[in-house]
Structure formats: C-alpha cells, structure tokens
Amino acid sequence: MDEGNVKDRPEHPSRWDRLRSAMTRCLRKGISRQGRNVSGEFLKGAAYKLGSGAVTLIIIWWETRH
C-alpha cells in the first residue's frame, strides 16, 4: 500500500485544530451557562411544585366545605 494514498490524515491539521478548539469553547460556554442556572431552575421547580400543592389543598378544602 502506498503511503501517499492514505486519506486518514487531514490535509490541514491546523484547520482541524482550530475547528476542534472552537467547538470545545462553545461547549464549555454552554455548559457553564447551564451550571449557573441550575440553582435558579431548581428553585423555580420547587416553587412550581409548592404552588401546585397549595392550589390542590385549597381546592380540596373548598370542596369539603361546600
């Protein structure tokens, strides 16, 4: 097999390195953005569940009284 015909190696390795680093940077930025919002999303979810439970209790109380 002739080594000149092997297509596994990229023609421009620096181009692939730039693309990989740009993709890595984008992924890290997205992950860090999500990491900052985890506690906020948790609080939103907890408030939603708490509010839903409170509404359910009010409806049950209302139905038993009337």
PDB file of N, CA and C in Angstrom:
ATOM      1  N   MET A   1       0.854  -1.180   0.000  1.00  0.00           N
ATOM      2  CA  MET A   1       0.000   0.000   0.000  1.00  0.00           C
ATOM      3  C   MET A   1       0.894   1.235   0.000  1.00  0.00           C
ATOM      4  N   ASP A   2       0.592   2.160  -0.823  1.00  0.00           N
ATOM      5  CA  ASP A   2       1.381   3.378  -0.936  1.00  0.00           C
ATOM      6  C   ASP A   2       0.938   4.373   0.130  1.00  0.00           C
ATOM      7  N   GLU A   3       1.871   4.922   0.912  1.00  0.00           N
ATOM      8  CA  GLU A   3       1.552   5.852   1.990  1.00  0.00           C
ATOM      9  C   GLU A   3       0.980   7.167   1.477  1.00  0.00           C
ATOM     10  N   GLY A   4       1.231   7.535   0.227  1.00  0.00           N
ATOM     11  CA  GLY A   4       0.719   8.788  -0.322  1.00  0.00           C
ATOM     12  C   GLY A   4      -0.773   8.767  -0.583  1.00  0.00           C
ATOM     13  N   ASN A   5      -1.382   7.572  -0.648  1.00  0.00           N
ATOM     14  CA  ASN A   5      -2.810   7.462  -0.936  1.00  0.00           C
ATOM     15  C   ASN A   5      -3.670   7.364   0.318  1.00  0.00           C
ATOM     16  N   VAL A   6      -3.080   7.363   1.473  1.00  0.00           N
ATOM     17  CA  VAL A   6      -3.840   7.228   2.719  1.00  0.00           C
ATOM     18  C   VAL A   6      -4.605   8.526   2.971  1.00  0.00           C
ATOM     19  N   LYS A   7      -5.937   8.425   3.162  1.00  0.00           N
ATOM     20  CA  LYS A   7      -6.782   9.615   3.333  1.00  0.00           C
ATOM     21  C   LYS A   7      -7.128   9.882   4.802  1.00  0.00           C
ATOM     22  N   ASP A   8      -6.544   9.107   5.723  1.00  0.00           N
ATOM     23  CA  ASP A   8      -6.883   9.284   7.133  1.00  0.00           C
ATOM     24  C   ASP A   8      -6.351  10.591   7.709  1.00  0.00           C
ATOM     25  N   ARG A   9      -5.226  11.045   7.212  1.00  0.00           N
ATOM     26  CA  ARG A   9      -4.625  12.262   7.740  1.00  0.00           C
ATOM     27  C   ARG A   9      -5.255  13.495   7.092  1.00  0.00           C
ATOM     28  N   PRO A  10      -5.648  14.496   7.888  1.00  0.00           N
ATOM     29  CA  PRO A  10      -6.205  15.711   7.290  1.00  0.00           C
ATOM     30  C   PRO A  10      -5.136  16.474   6.514  1.00  0.00           C
ATOM     31  N   GLU A  11      -5.581  17.157   5.469  1.00  0.00           N
ATOM     32  CA  GLU A  11      -4.639  17.932   4.660  1.00  0.00           C
ATOM     33  C   GLU A  11      -4.094  19.129   5.427  1.00  0.00           C
ATOM     34  N   HIS A  12      -4.925  19.726   6.262  1.00  0.00           N
ATOM     35  CA  HIS A  12      -4.538  20.910   7.018  1.00  0.00           C
ATOM     36  C   HIS A  12      -4.833  20.669   8.493  1.00  0.00           C
ATOM     37  N   PRO A  13      -3.906  20.094   9.221  1.00  0.00           N
ATOM     38  CA  PRO A  13      -4.172  19.799  10.637  1.00  0.00           C
ATOM     39  C   PRO A  13      -4.491  21.044  11.456  1.00  0.00           C
ATOM     40  N   SER A  14      -3.914  22.175  11.110  1.00  0.00           N
ATOM     41  CA  SER A  14      -4.190  23.377  11.895  1.00  0.00           C
ATOM     42  C   SER A  14      -5.657  23.800  11.750  1.00  0.00           C
ATOM     43  N   ARG A  15      -6.241  23.576  10.593  1.00  0.00           N
ATOM     44  CA  ARG A  15      -7.663  23.895  10.387  1.00  0.00           C
ATOM     45  C   ARG A  15      -8.531  23.043  11.305  1.00  0.00           C
ATOM     46  N   TRP A  16      -8.197  21.759  11.413  1.00  0.00           N
ATOM     47  CA  TRP A  16      -8.957  20.861  12.284  1.00  0.00           C
ATOM     48  C   TRP A  16      -8.761  21.229  13.745  1.00  0.00           C
ATOM     49  N   ASP A  17      -7.562  21.653  14.108  1.00  0.00           N
ATOM     50  CA  ASP A  17      -7.307  22.077  15.481  1.00  0.00           C
ATOM     51  C   ASP A  17      -8.120  23.317  15.841  1.00  0.00           C
ATOM     52  N   ARG A  18      -8.196  24.270  14.906  1.00  0.00           N
ATOM     53  CA  ARG A  18      -8.998  25.483  15.159  1.00  0.00           C
ATOM     54  C   ARG A  18     -10.471  25.134  15.293  1.00  0.00           C
ATOM     55  N   LEU A  19     -10.955  24.251  14.430  1.00  0.00           N
ATOM     56  CA  LEU A  19     -12.362  23.847  14.491  1.00  0.00           C
ATOM     57  C   LEU A  19     -12.664  23.139  15.809  1.00  0.00           C
ATOM     58  N   ARG A  20     -11.771  22.228  16.201  1.00  0.00           N
ATOM     59  CA  ARG A  20     -11.969  21.496  17.455  1.00  0.00           C
ATOM     60  C   ARG A  20     -11.934  22.440  18.649  1.00  0.00           C
ATOM     61  N   SER A  21     -11.010  23.382  18.660  1.00  0.00           N
ATOM     62  CA  SER A  21     -10.930  24.305  19.786  1.00  0.00           C
ATOM     63  C   SER A  21     -12.150  25.231  19.821  1.00  0.00           C
ATOM     64  N   ALA A  22     -12.650  25.625  18.663  1.00  0.00           N
ATOM     65  CA  ALA A  22     -13.857  26.465  18.632  1.00  0.00           C
ATOM     66  C   ALA A  22     -15.067  25.682  19.153  1.00  0.00           C
ATOM     67  N   MET A  23     -15.165  24.426  18.759  1.00  0.00           N
ATOM     68  CA  MET A  23     -16.286  23.607  19.239  1.00  0.00           C
ATOM     69  C   MET A  23     -16.180  23.373  20.742  1.00  0.00           C
ATOM     70  N   THR A  24     -14.963  23.109  21.219  1.00  0.00           N
ATOM     71  CA  THR A  24     -14.754  22.900  22.651  1.00  0.00           C
ATOM     72  C   THR A  24     -15.112  24.158  23.434  1.00  0.00           C
ATOM     73  N   ARG A  25     -14.697  25.312  22.928  1.00  0.00           N
ATOM     74  CA  ARG A  25     -15.001  26.584  23.583  1.00  0.00           C
ATOM     75  C   ARG A  25     -16.514  26.815  23.650  1.00  0.00           C
ATOM     76  N   CYS A  26     -17.187  26.517  22.559  1.00  0.00           N
ATOM     77  CA  CYS A  26     -18.646  26.694  22.515  1.00  0.00           C
ATOM     78  C   CYS A  26     -19.344  25.765  23.512  1.00  0.00           C
ATOM     79  N   LEU A  27     -18.897  24.511  23.562  1.00  0.00           N
ATOM     80  CA  LEU A  27     -19.496  23.565  24.502  1.00  0.00           C
ATOM     81  C   LEU A  27     -19.253  23.978  25.951  1.00  0.00           C
ATOM     82  N   ARG A  28     -18.035  24.413  26.254  1.00  0.00           N
ATOM     83  CA  ARG A  28     -17.737  24.849  27.618  1.00  0.00           C
ATOM     84  C   ARG A  28     -18.567  26.056  28.015  1.00  0.00           C
ATOM     85  N   LYS A  29     -18.756  26.970  27.077  1.00  0.00           N
ATOM     86  CA  LYS A  29     -19.561  28.164  27.350  1.00  0.00           C
ATOM     87  C   LYS A  29     -21.007  27.771  27.655  1.00  0.00           C
ATOM     88  N   GLY A  30     -21.543  26.848  26.857  1.00  0.00           N
ATOM     89  CA  GLY A  30     -22.910  26.384  27.089  1.00  0.00           C
ATOM     90  C   GLY A  30     -23.055  25.651  28.404  1.00  0.00           C
ATOM     91  N   ILE A  31     -22.060  24.813  28.733  1.00  0.00           N
ATOM     92  CA  ILE A  31     -22.117  24.072  29.987  1.00  0.00           C
ATOM     93  C   ILE A  31     -22.021  25.020  31.174  1.00  0.00           C
ATOM     94  N   SER A  32     -21.150  26.007  31.091  1.00  0.00           N
ATOM     95  CA  SER A  32     -21.020  26.946  32.209  1.00  0.00           C
ATOM     96  C   SER A  32     -22.288  27.782  32.355  1.00  0.00           C
ATOM     97  N   ARG A  33     -22.920  28.124  31.244  1.00  0.00           N
ATOM     98  CA  ARG A  33     -24.173  28.882  31.303  1.00  0.00           C
ATOM     99  C   ARG A  33     -25.245  28.049  31.995  1.00  0.00           C
ATOM    100  N   GLN A  34     -25.307  26.764  31.672  1.00  0.00           N
ATOM    101  CA  GLN A  34     -26.273  25.882  32.314  1.00  0.00           C
ATOM    102  C   GLN A  34     -25.943  25.703  33.791  1.00  0.00           C
ATOM    103  N   GLY A  35     -24.659  25.628  34.111  1.00  0.00           N
ATOM    104  CA  GLY A  35     -24.254  25.443  35.502  1.00  0.00           C
ATOM    105  C   GLY A  35     -24.689  26.594  36.384  1.00  0.00           C
ATOM    106  N   ARG A  36     -24.683  27.801  35.863  1.00  0.00           N
ATOM    107  CA  ARG A  36     -25.097  28.957  36.661  1.00  0.00           C
ATOM    108  C   ARG A  36     -26.593  28.948  36.903  1.00  0.00           C
ATOM    109  N   ASN A  37     -27.360  28.341  36.030  1.00  0.00           N
ATOM    110  CA  ASN A  37     -28.807  28.380  36.145  1.00  0.00           C
ATOM    111  C   ASN A  37     -29.394  27.182  36.870  1.00  0.00           C
ATOM    112  N   VAL A  38     -28.564  26.234  37.275  1.00  0.00           N
ATOM    113  CA  VAL A  38     -29.098  25.029  37.908  1.00  0.00           C
ATOM    114  C   VAL A  38     -29.838  25.369  39.186  1.00  0.00           C
ATOM    115  N   SER A  39     -29.255  26.194  40.045  1.00  0.00           N
ATOM    116  CA  SER A  39     -29.925  26.526  41.306  1.00  0.00           C
ATOM    117  C   SER A  39     -31.189  27.330  41.044  1.00  0.00           C
ATOM    118  N   GLY A  40     -31.143  28.225  40.072  1.00  0.00           N
ATOM    119  CA  GLY A  40     -32.342  29.002  39.741  1.00  0.00           C
ATOM    120  C   GLY A  40     -33.451  28.128  39.196  1.00  0.00           C
ATOM    121  N   GLU A  41     -33.085  27.170  38.337  1.00  0.00           N
ATOM    122  CA  GLU A  41     -34.088  26.256  37.797  1.00  0.00           C
ATOM    123  C   GLU A  41     -34.646  25.358  38.888  1.00  0.00           C
ATOM    124  N   PHE A  42     -33.795  24.950  39.829  1.00  0.00           N
ATOM    125  CA  PHE A  42     -34.255  24.140  40.950  1.00  0.00           C
ATOM    126  C   PHE A  42     -35.272  24.906  41.778  1.00  0.00           C
ATOM    127  N   LEU A  43     -34.979  26.172  42.058  1.00  0.00           N
ATOM    128  CA  LEU A  43     -35.905  26.984  42.841  1.00  0.00           C
ATOM    129  C   LEU A  43     -37.215  27.208  42.107  1.00  0.00           C
ATOM    130  N   LYS A  44     -37.128  27.414  40.788  1.00  0.00           N
ATOM    131  CA  LYS A  44     -38.363  27.559  40.007  1.00  0.00           C
ATOM    132  C   LYS A  44     -39.203  26.301  40.085  1.00  0.00           C
ATOM    133  N   GLY A  45     -38.545  25.149  39.943  1.00  0.00           N
ATOM    134  CA  GLY A  45     -39.261  23.871  40.008  1.00  0.00           C
ATOM    135  C   GLY A  45     -39.874  23.639  41.377  1.00  0.00           C
ATOM    136  N   ALA A  46     -39.119  23.967  42.428  1.00  0.00           N
ATOM    137  CA  ALA A  46     -39.639  23.789  43.784  1.00  0.00           C
ATOM    138  C   ALA A  46     -40.825  24.717  44.030  1.00  0.00           C
ATOM    139  N   ALA A  47     -40.724  25.960  43.580  1.00  0.00           N
ATOM    140  CA  ALA A  47     -41.833  26.902  43.755  1.00  0.00           C
ATOM    141  C   ALA A  47     -43.065  26.439  42.985  1.00  0.00           C
ATOM    142  N   TYR A  48     -42.853  25.901  41.788  1.00  0.00           N
ATOM    143  CA  TYR A  48     -43.970  25.411  40.982  1.00  0.00           C
ATOM    144  C   TYR A  48     -44.666  24.255  41.693  1.00  0.00           C
ATOM    145  N   LYS A  49     -43.873  23.315  42.209  1.00  0.00           N
ATOM    146  CA  LYS A  49     -44.452  22.166  42.924  1.00  0.00           C
ATOM    147  C   LYS A  49     -45.172  22.625  44.184  1.00  0.00           C
ATOM    148  N   LEU A  50     -44.555  23.545  44.914  1.00  0.00           N
ATOM    149  CA  LEU A  50     -45.168  24.048  46.132  1.00  0.00           C
ATOM    150  C   LEU A  50     -46.472  24.765  45.822  1.00  0.00           C
ATOM    151  N   GLY A  51     -46.462  25.593  44.794  1.00  0.00           N
ATOM    152  CA  GLY A  51     -47.684  26.304  44.401  1.00  0.00           C
ATOM    153  C   GLY A  51     -48.763  25.351  43.926  1.00  0.00           C
ATOM    154  N   SER A  52     -48.373  24.339  43.176  1.00  0.00           N
ATOM    155  CA  SER A  52     -49.335  23.348  42.702  1.00  0.00           C
ATOM    156  C   SER A  52     -49.948  22.590  43.873  1.00  0.00           C
ATOM    157  N   GLY A  53     -49.109  22.225  44.839  1.00  0.00           N
ATOM    158  CA  GLY A  53     -49.618  21.530  46.020  1.00  0.00           C
ATOM    159  C   GLY A  53     -50.553  22.413  46.836  1.00  0.00           C
ATOM    160  N   ALA A  54     -50.205  23.689  46.950  1.00  0.00           N
ATOM    161  CA  ALA A  54     -51.052  24.617  47.703  1.00  0.00           C
ATOM    162  C   ALA A  54     -52.406  24.793  47.026  1.00  0.00           C
ATOM    163  N   VAL A  55     -52.410  24.900  45.722  1.00  0.00           N
ATOM    164  CA  VAL A  55     -53.674  25.029  44.986  1.00  0.00           C
ATOM    165  C   VAL A  55     -54.510  23.768  45.155  1.00  0.00           C
ATOM    166  N   THR A  56     -53.880  22.630  45.104  1.00  0.00           N
ATOM    167  CA  THR A  56     -54.600  21.365  45.295  1.00  0.00           C
ATOM    168  C   THR A  56     -55.226  21.316  46.688  1.00  0.00           C
ATOM    169  N   LEU A  57     -54.473  21.719  47.719  1.00  0.00           N
ATOM    170  CA  LEU A  57     -55.025  21.724  49.073  1.00  0.00           C
ATOM    171  C   LEU A  57     -56.188  22.699  49.211  1.00  0.00           C
ATOM    172  N   ILE A  58     -56.074  23.859  48.589  1.00  0.00           N
ATOM    173  CA  ILE A  58     -57.172  24.838  48.644  1.00  0.00           C
ATOM    174  C   ILE A  58     -58.411  24.278  47.962  1.00  0.00           C
ATOM    175  N   ILE A  59     -58.263  23.622  46.830  1.00  0.00           N
ATOM    176  CA  ILE A  59     -59.413  23.040  46.121  1.00  0.00           C
ATOM    177  C   ILE A  59     -60.047  21.938  46.958  1.00  0.00           C
ATOM    178  N   ILE A  60     -59.216  21.091  47.548  1.00  0.00           N
ATOM    179  CA  ILE A  60     -59.767  20.016  48.397  1.00  0.00           C
ATOM    180  C   ILE A  60     -60.496  20.608  49.595  1.00  0.00           C
ATOM    181  N   TRP A  61     -59.907  21.622  50.237  1.00  0.00           N
ATOM    182  CA  TRP A  61     -60.555  22.263  51.372  1.00  0.00           C
ATOM    183  C   TRP A  61     -61.881  22.887  50.941  1.00  0.00           C
ATOM    184  N   TRP A  62     -61.870  23.585  49.803  1.00  0.00           N
ATOM    185  CA  TRP A  62     -63.076  24.217  49.290  1.00  0.00           C
ATOM    186  C   TRP A  62     -64.187  23.197  49.016  1.00  0.00           C
ATOM    187  N   GLU A  63     -63.815  22.077  48.389  1.00  0.00           N
ATOM    188  CA  GLU A  63     -64.796  21.038  48.074  1.00  0.00           C
ATOM    189  C   GLU A  63     -65.371  20.394  49.330  1.00  0.00           C
ATOM    190  N   THR A  64     -64.566  20.229  50.376  1.00  0.00           N
ATOM    191  CA  THR A  64     -65.085  19.608  51.595  1.00  0.00           C
ATOM    192  C   THR A  64     -65.980  20.561  52.379  1.00  0.00           C
ATOM    193  N   ARG A  65     -65.779  21.848  52.221  1.00  0.00           N
ATOM    194  CA  ARG A  65     -66.594  22.833  52.948  1.00  0.00           C
ATOM    195  C   ARG A  65     -67.923  23.123  52.249  1.00  0.00           C
ATOM    196  N   HIS A  66     -67.963  22.969  50.934  1.00  0.00           N
ATOM    197  CA  HIS A  66     -69.188  23.335  50.206  1.00  0.00           C
ATOM    198  C   HIS A  66     -69.811  22.169  49.525  1.00  0.00           C
TER     199      HIS A  66
END
